[in-house]
Protein backbone atom coordinates (compact mmCIF):
# COMPACT_ATOMS: atom_id res chain seq x y z
CA MET A 1 -25.50 -17.82 -136.75
CA GLY A 2 -24.33 -20.83 -134.94
CA GLU A 3 -22.36 -21.68 -131.86
CA ALA A 4 -19.14 -23.65 -131.58
CA VAL A 5 -15.81 -23.72 -129.79
CA GLY A 6 -13.33 -21.14 -130.99
CA PHE A 7 -9.90 -20.04 -129.82
CA LEU A 8 -6.64 -18.44 -130.85
CA HIS A 9 -3.78 -20.74 -131.71
CA SER A 10 -0.22 -19.63 -132.31
CA ASN A 11 0.71 -22.48 -134.67
CA VAL A 12 -1.57 -25.25 -135.86
CA PHE A 13 1.01 -26.86 -138.10
CA SER A 14 3.86 -27.67 -135.68
CA ASN A 15 4.96 -31.28 -135.14
CA ASN A 16 2.02 -32.86 -136.92
CA GLY A 17 3.57 -34.96 -139.63
CA TYR A 18 4.60 -32.28 -142.12
CA ASP A 19 8.36 -32.26 -141.31
CA ASN A 20 9.21 -32.64 -145.01
CA ARG A 21 7.60 -29.36 -146.00
CA ASP A 22 9.82 -26.56 -147.18
CA GLN A 23 11.54 -25.08 -144.14
CA VAL A 24 10.70 -21.51 -145.12
CA TYR A 25 7.01 -22.41 -145.22
CA GLU A 26 7.31 -24.07 -141.82
CA ASP A 27 9.01 -21.03 -140.31
CA ASN A 28 6.38 -18.67 -141.73
CA GLN A 29 3.54 -20.77 -140.33
CA LYS A 30 5.09 -20.82 -136.88
CA LYS A 31 5.07 -17.04 -136.78
CA LEU A 32 1.32 -16.80 -137.48
CA CYS A 33 -1.46 -16.44 -134.97
CA TRP A 34 -4.58 -18.44 -135.85
CA TYR A 35 -8.26 -18.38 -135.08
CA GLU A 36 -9.44 -21.97 -134.69
CA GLU A 37 -12.99 -23.30 -134.36
CA ASP A 38 -14.34 -26.80 -133.80
CA LEU A 39 -17.15 -27.85 -136.15
CA ASP A 40 -17.46 -31.41 -134.86
CA ASP A 41 -15.57 -33.88 -132.68
CA ASP A 42 -13.11 -34.58 -135.49
CA LEU A 43 -13.41 -31.46 -137.67
CA LYS A 44 -12.14 -27.91 -137.23
CA TRP A 45 -11.14 -24.88 -139.28
CA SER A 46 -8.37 -22.35 -138.83
CA TYR A 47 -7.85 -18.83 -140.14
CA ALA A 48 -4.55 -16.92 -140.01
CA LEU A 49 -4.76 -13.55 -138.27
CA ASN A 50 -3.04 -10.25 -138.75
CA ARG A 51 -3.99 -9.24 -135.22
CA VAL A 52 -6.68 -9.25 -132.54
CA LEU A 53 -8.37 -5.85 -132.71
CA HIS A 54 -10.47 -6.09 -129.58
CA ARG A 55 -11.67 -8.60 -127.00
CA GLY A 56 -14.29 -8.20 -124.29
CA THR A 57 -16.89 -9.97 -122.16
CA SER A 58 -20.49 -8.94 -121.59
CA GLU A 59 -23.05 -10.25 -119.12
CA TYR A 60 -24.14 -12.80 -121.71
CA GLN A 61 -21.22 -13.63 -124.00
CA GLU A 62 -17.60 -13.22 -125.02
CA ILE A 63 -16.87 -10.84 -127.91
CA ALA A 64 -13.86 -10.47 -130.19
CA LEU A 65 -13.04 -8.56 -133.33
CA LEU A 66 -10.26 -10.20 -135.34
CA ASP A 67 -8.36 -8.99 -138.38
CA THR A 68 -7.98 -12.11 -140.54
CA LYS A 69 -5.70 -12.42 -143.52
CA HIS A 70 -8.36 -13.91 -145.78
CA PHE A 71 -11.74 -12.46 -144.73
CA GLY A 72 -10.84 -9.08 -143.24
CA LYS A 73 -12.46 -8.05 -139.96
CA VAL A 74 -14.35 -10.91 -138.32
CA LEU A 75 -16.84 -10.66 -135.46
CA VAL A 76 -16.62 -13.60 -133.05
CA ILE A 77 -19.15 -14.15 -130.26
CA ASP A 78 -18.76 -17.00 -127.76
CA GLY A 79 -16.03 -18.49 -129.90
CA LYS A 80 -18.17 -18.62 -133.05
CA MET A 81 -17.64 -16.54 -136.18
CA GLN A 82 -20.74 -14.39 -136.67
CA SER A 83 -19.80 -12.44 -139.77
CA ALA A 84 -16.79 -11.60 -141.89
CA GLU A 85 -16.12 -8.27 -143.55
CA ARG A 86 -15.61 -9.68 -147.05
CA ASP A 87 -18.74 -11.82 -147.35
CA GLU A 88 -21.25 -10.88 -144.63
CA PHE A 89 -23.32 -9.21 -147.34
CA ILE A 90 -24.26 -12.68 -148.65
CA TYR A 91 -25.86 -13.69 -145.37
CA HIS A 92 -27.56 -10.36 -144.70
CA GLU A 93 -28.85 -9.77 -148.24
CA CYS A 94 -30.34 -13.27 -148.26
CA LEU A 95 -31.92 -12.77 -144.85
CA ILE A 96 -33.58 -9.44 -145.63
CA HIS A 97 -34.23 -8.62 -149.27
CA PRO A 98 -36.25 -11.61 -150.50
CA ALA A 99 -38.91 -11.17 -147.80
CA LEU A 100 -39.13 -7.39 -148.26
CA LEU A 101 -39.35 -7.78 -152.03
CA TYR A 102 -42.09 -10.41 -151.77
CA HIS A 103 -44.17 -8.14 -149.53
CA PRO A 104 -46.41 -5.80 -151.57
CA ASN A 105 -45.62 -2.68 -149.53
CA PRO A 106 -43.44 -3.21 -146.44
CA ARG A 107 -43.32 -0.32 -143.99
CA THR A 108 -42.54 -1.75 -140.54
CA VAL A 109 -39.95 -4.34 -139.51
CA PHE A 110 -39.09 -6.04 -136.22
CA ILE A 111 -35.61 -7.60 -135.97
CA MET A 112 -34.95 -10.23 -133.32
CA GLY A 113 -31.24 -10.03 -132.56
CA GLY A 114 -29.14 -8.31 -135.21
CA GLY A 115 -26.92 -6.49 -132.72
CA GLU A 116 -24.09 -5.93 -135.20
CA GLY A 117 -26.34 -3.65 -137.26
CA SER A 118 -25.93 -5.32 -140.65
CA THR A 119 -29.51 -6.59 -140.76
CA ALA A 120 -30.89 -3.11 -140.03
CA ARG A 121 -28.51 -1.68 -142.65
CA GLU A 122 -30.05 -3.88 -145.34
CA VAL A 123 -33.64 -3.15 -144.24
CA LEU A 124 -32.99 0.58 -144.40
CA LYS A 125 -32.02 0.35 -148.06
CA HIS A 126 -35.73 -0.06 -148.87
CA LYS A 127 -37.47 3.20 -149.69
CA THR A 128 -40.86 2.13 -148.33
CA ILE A 129 -39.58 1.44 -144.81
CA GLU A 130 -40.88 3.81 -142.13
CA LYS A 131 -39.87 2.07 -138.90
CA VAL A 132 -37.37 -0.62 -137.89
CA VAL A 133 -37.33 -2.03 -134.37
CA MET A 134 -34.11 -3.90 -133.58
CA CYS A 135 -34.36 -5.88 -130.35
CA ASP A 136 -31.13 -7.38 -129.02
CA ILE A 137 -30.64 -8.73 -125.52
CA ASP A 138 -27.03 -7.61 -125.11
CA GLN A 139 -26.29 -3.87 -124.76
CA GLU A 140 -22.53 -4.46 -124.71
CA VAL A 141 -22.56 -6.34 -128.03
CA VAL A 142 -24.57 -3.54 -129.64
CA ASP A 143 -22.21 -0.89 -128.25
CA PHE A 144 -19.20 -2.94 -129.35
CA CYS A 145 -20.49 -3.31 -132.90
CA ARG A 146 -21.58 0.31 -133.14
CA ARG A 147 -18.05 1.37 -132.22
CA TYR A 148 -15.92 -1.09 -134.17
CA LEU A 149 -18.00 -2.12 -137.22
CA THR A 150 -17.77 1.19 -139.01
CA VAL A 151 -19.68 -0.05 -142.06
CA ASN A 152 -22.92 0.01 -140.01
CA GLN A 153 -22.53 3.35 -138.23
CA GLU A 154 -24.85 5.13 -140.67
CA ALA A 155 -27.57 2.55 -140.03
CA PHE A 156 -27.25 3.01 -136.26
CA ARG A 157 -27.71 6.79 -136.73
CA ASP A 158 -30.79 6.45 -138.94
CA GLU A 159 -33.87 8.02 -137.31
CA LYS A 160 -36.04 5.16 -138.59
CA LEU A 161 -34.14 2.67 -136.42
CA HIS A 162 -35.52 2.12 -132.91
CA LEU A 163 -33.04 0.14 -130.80
CA VAL A 164 -34.41 -1.86 -127.89
CA ILE A 165 -32.36 -3.87 -125.40
CA ASN A 166 -34.57 -6.73 -124.27
CA ASP A 167 -35.43 -10.36 -124.78
CA ALA A 168 -37.14 -10.56 -128.18
CA LYS A 169 -39.98 -12.78 -126.98
CA ALA A 170 -40.80 -10.51 -124.06
CA GLU A 171 -40.60 -7.41 -126.27
CA LEU A 172 -42.96 -8.78 -128.90
CA GLU A 173 -45.45 -9.97 -126.29
CA ALA A 174 -45.47 -6.55 -124.62
CA ARG A 175 -46.07 -4.57 -127.84
CA ASN A 176 -49.55 -3.83 -129.15
CA GLU A 177 -48.35 -3.01 -132.67
CA LYS A 178 -48.00 -5.44 -135.57
CA PHE A 179 -45.34 -5.55 -138.27
CA ASP A 180 -45.13 -6.21 -141.99
CA LEU A 181 -41.95 -8.24 -141.52
CA ILE A 182 -40.47 -10.01 -138.50
CA VAL A 183 -36.86 -11.17 -138.85
CA GLY A 184 -35.10 -13.87 -136.86
CA ASP A 185 -31.42 -12.91 -136.92
CA LEU A 186 -30.63 -15.13 -133.96
CA ALA A 187 -27.83 -17.44 -132.93
CA ASP A 188 -28.35 -21.07 -133.86
CA PRO A 189 -30.08 -23.25 -131.27
CA VAL A 190 -27.40 -24.58 -128.91
CA GLU A 191 -28.00 -26.95 -126.03
CA GLY A 192 -28.11 -24.99 -122.80
CA GLY A 193 -28.53 -21.67 -124.57
CA PRO A 194 -31.60 -19.42 -124.61
CA CYS A 195 -32.08 -19.02 -128.37
CA TYR A 196 -33.52 -22.46 -129.11
CA LYS A 197 -36.82 -21.38 -127.53
CA LEU A 198 -37.22 -18.86 -130.36
CA TYR A 199 -37.33 -21.68 -132.95
CA THR A 200 -40.25 -23.57 -131.43
CA LYS A 201 -43.73 -24.16 -132.80
CA SER A 202 -45.32 -22.47 -129.78
CA PHE A 203 -43.22 -19.33 -130.30
CA TYR A 204 -44.03 -19.13 -134.00
CA GLU A 205 -47.71 -19.82 -133.40
CA HIS A 206 -48.42 -17.73 -130.29
CA VAL A 207 -45.90 -14.88 -130.52
CA ILE A 208 -44.71 -14.37 -134.10
CA LYS A 209 -47.87 -14.98 -136.11
CA PRO A 210 -50.19 -12.74 -134.03
CA LYS A 211 -47.72 -9.85 -134.45
CA LEU A 212 -47.79 -9.90 -138.25
CA ASN A 213 -50.00 -7.59 -140.28
CA ALA A 214 -52.14 -8.88 -143.14
CA ASN A 215 -49.70 -9.90 -145.90
CA GLY A 216 -47.06 -10.12 -143.17
CA ILE A 217 -43.97 -12.29 -143.64
CA PHE A 218 -41.70 -13.97 -141.14
CA VAL A 219 -38.13 -14.84 -142.14
CA THR A 220 -35.47 -16.55 -140.08
CA GLN A 221 -31.94 -17.74 -140.50
CA ALA A 222 -32.14 -21.51 -140.18
CA GLY A 223 -28.60 -22.73 -139.69
CA PRO A 224 -26.33 -24.87 -141.86
CA ALA A 225 -28.08 -26.32 -144.91
CA GLY A 226 -25.32 -28.23 -146.64
CA PHE A 227 -25.35 -31.80 -147.89
CA HIS A 228 -24.02 -33.12 -144.56
CA SER A 229 -25.33 -30.47 -142.18
CA HIS A 230 -28.94 -29.74 -143.17
CA LYS A 231 -30.49 -32.26 -140.77
CA GLU A 232 -29.02 -30.55 -137.71
CA VAL A 233 -31.76 -27.90 -137.54
CA PHE A 234 -32.61 -26.64 -141.05
CA SER A 235 -35.07 -29.40 -141.97
CA SER A 236 -36.66 -29.28 -138.52
CA ILE A 237 -37.20 -25.51 -138.56
CA TYR A 238 -38.73 -25.84 -142.03
CA ASN A 239 -41.13 -28.56 -140.92
CA THR A 240 -42.05 -26.63 -137.77
CA LEU A 241 -42.97 -23.52 -139.74
CA LYS A 242 -45.08 -25.66 -142.11
CA HIS A 243 -47.29 -26.47 -139.13
CA VAL A 244 -47.88 -22.76 -138.41
CA PHE A 245 -48.01 -20.95 -141.78
CA LYS A 246 -49.78 -21.80 -145.05
CA TYR A 247 -46.80 -20.96 -147.26
CA VAL A 248 -43.20 -21.76 -146.37
CA LEU A 249 -40.23 -21.14 -148.67
CA PRO A 250 -36.73 -22.44 -147.82
CA TYR A 251 -33.65 -21.18 -149.64
CA THR A 252 -29.88 -21.51 -149.32
CA ALA A 253 -26.57 -19.94 -150.32
CA HIS A 254 -22.92 -20.74 -149.80
CA VAL A 255 -21.20 -18.39 -147.36
CA PRO A 256 -17.43 -18.85 -147.72
CA SER A 257 -16.51 -17.68 -144.23
CA PHE A 258 -18.99 -20.17 -142.72
CA VAL A 259 -17.40 -22.98 -144.76
CA ASP A 260 -20.87 -24.33 -145.53
CA THR A 261 -24.14 -23.71 -147.32
CA TRP A 262 -26.47 -21.64 -145.13
CA GLY A 263 -30.25 -21.73 -144.91
CA TRP A 264 -33.06 -19.23 -144.48
CA ILE A 265 -36.83 -19.77 -144.42
CA MET A 266 -39.68 -17.40 -145.28
CA ALA A 267 -43.19 -18.05 -144.01
CA SER A 268 -46.54 -16.34 -144.54
CA ASP A 269 -50.25 -16.97 -144.87
CA GLN A 270 -50.10 -15.20 -148.23
CA PRO A 271 -48.61 -16.90 -151.34
CA LEU A 272 -44.87 -16.39 -151.86
CA THR A 273 -44.69 -16.31 -155.65
CA LEU A 274 -42.73 -13.91 -157.84
CA GLU A 275 -40.94 -14.29 -161.16
CA ALA A 276 -37.32 -13.24 -161.59
CA LYS A 277 -38.30 -10.18 -163.66
CA GLN A 278 -40.73 -9.06 -160.96
CA ILE A 279 -38.02 -9.33 -158.30
CA ASP A 280 -35.58 -7.36 -160.45
CA SER A 281 -38.22 -4.72 -161.10
CA ARG A 282 -38.91 -4.31 -157.37
CA ILE A 283 -35.19 -4.09 -156.63
CA GLU A 284 -34.94 -1.25 -159.15
CA GLU A 285 -37.99 0.55 -157.78
CA ARG A 286 -37.55 0.07 -154.04
CA ILE A 287 -33.88 -0.23 -153.10
CA LYS A 288 -31.40 2.59 -152.64
CA GLY A 289 -27.96 1.62 -153.93
CA GLU A 290 -26.83 -1.64 -155.50
CA LEU A 291 -27.07 -5.13 -154.04
CA LEU A 292 -23.95 -7.25 -154.32
CA TYR A 293 -25.51 -10.71 -154.25
CA ILE A 294 -29.28 -10.87 -154.68
CA ASN A 295 -31.16 -10.48 -157.95
CA GLY A 296 -34.20 -12.27 -159.33
CA ALA A 297 -32.43 -15.19 -160.97
CA THR A 298 -30.05 -15.71 -158.05
CA PHE A 299 -32.83 -15.83 -155.50
CA LEU A 300 -35.05 -18.20 -157.47
CA SER A 301 -32.10 -20.54 -158.01
CA SER A 302 -31.42 -20.47 -154.25
CA THR A 303 -34.88 -21.97 -153.62
CA THR A 304 -33.91 -25.12 -155.54
CA MET A 305 -32.40 -27.70 -153.19
CA ASN A 306 -30.19 -30.56 -154.24
CA LYS A 307 -31.89 -33.96 -154.32
CA THR A 308 -30.77 -35.09 -150.87
CA VAL A 309 -31.77 -31.88 -149.08
CA TYR A 310 -35.05 -31.66 -150.97
CA GLN A 311 -36.03 -35.18 -149.99
CA SER A 312 -35.05 -34.54 -146.38
CA LEU A 313 -37.36 -31.53 -146.27
CA LEU A 314 -40.22 -33.58 -147.69
CA LYS A 315 -39.68 -36.46 -145.26
CA GLU A 316 -38.94 -34.44 -142.11
CA THR A 317 -41.36 -35.18 -139.27
CA HIS A 318 -39.67 -33.46 -136.33
CA ILE A 319 -41.44 -30.43 -134.87
CA TYR A 320 -39.31 -28.11 -132.81
CA THR A 321 -40.51 -27.77 -129.21
CA GLU A 322 -38.82 -26.82 -125.97
CA GLU A 323 -39.15 -30.42 -124.82
CA ASP A 324 -37.96 -31.93 -128.11
CA ALA A 325 -35.33 -29.61 -129.59
CA ARG A 326 -32.45 -30.16 -131.97
CA PHE A 327 -29.12 -28.41 -131.49
CA ILE A 328 -26.08 -27.28 -133.41
CA TYR A 329 -22.77 -28.86 -132.42
CA GLY A 330 -20.76 -26.98 -129.79
CA HIS A 331 -21.30 -25.12 -126.56
CA GLY A 332 -20.18 -21.68 -127.61
CA LYS A 333 -17.35 -21.01 -125.19
CA ALA A 334 -14.04 -19.53 -126.16
CA CYS A 335 -10.92 -21.36 -124.99
């Protein structure tokens, strides 16, 4: 879910041209601790914190759990917000449920990444699911999330969940079994990082596609998909998948804690066509509990891009390769 520079800042408002503000407001701001993240050379966001709940460093990345005033508990990895307590369900429902609902009878799922457990949690809501393999490279991140993200503890205890600590590419290549759904819940491609190799045409063609059952679906998060941000990687990932699968369906949703519209892409060699009533019917039949974001009408509306994004998808010619990759802004190190 992206990489960028993030750090804690005690007061982002001091001595910056707002001396005429009410003094009480100024004093209150100076007492706050802030989480701050760069989005571009001249653009950043800041969130006020109640406190830092935990910080740690694994072999691969830096981890923090922050208690923010606006979004509740926030998971930060390598200085980049990964999910926020109050709206992570938007991202994870969009990533998981459309693909599982479009599949006629999904039983087995392979998750690339997903260490926080939220992706597995959503998969396990489906009554037809028999086996979920979650493959994350970082044991310490998984242990951290299992301990501190209490909302996912039931999913981690579910006997259907098979947790594997390994590189997702190596794990898929080593397995003889195939899956009904393969999920890419990976960090955005960042220059110098390992994840960009899991967005390439060769990976989709030679690793993902051969590991899908008949009627199998691949779905991946595809980075920012807003009016200004969709050309970073979203349009390229879409075009790359078009060169591997017969049917490719992009869709987007606004995630408030990401401060942008986010994109996901489904791909299959079987048609991806359902009406809103069919989606709602399958939700009623297949899913335990109530979804907070996705229903038939909401999902179908999310597949309609605005004019600029739609035309960009049509005109995109870039194919993602290891030699010719696109990257999200930032290098993912905490200050």
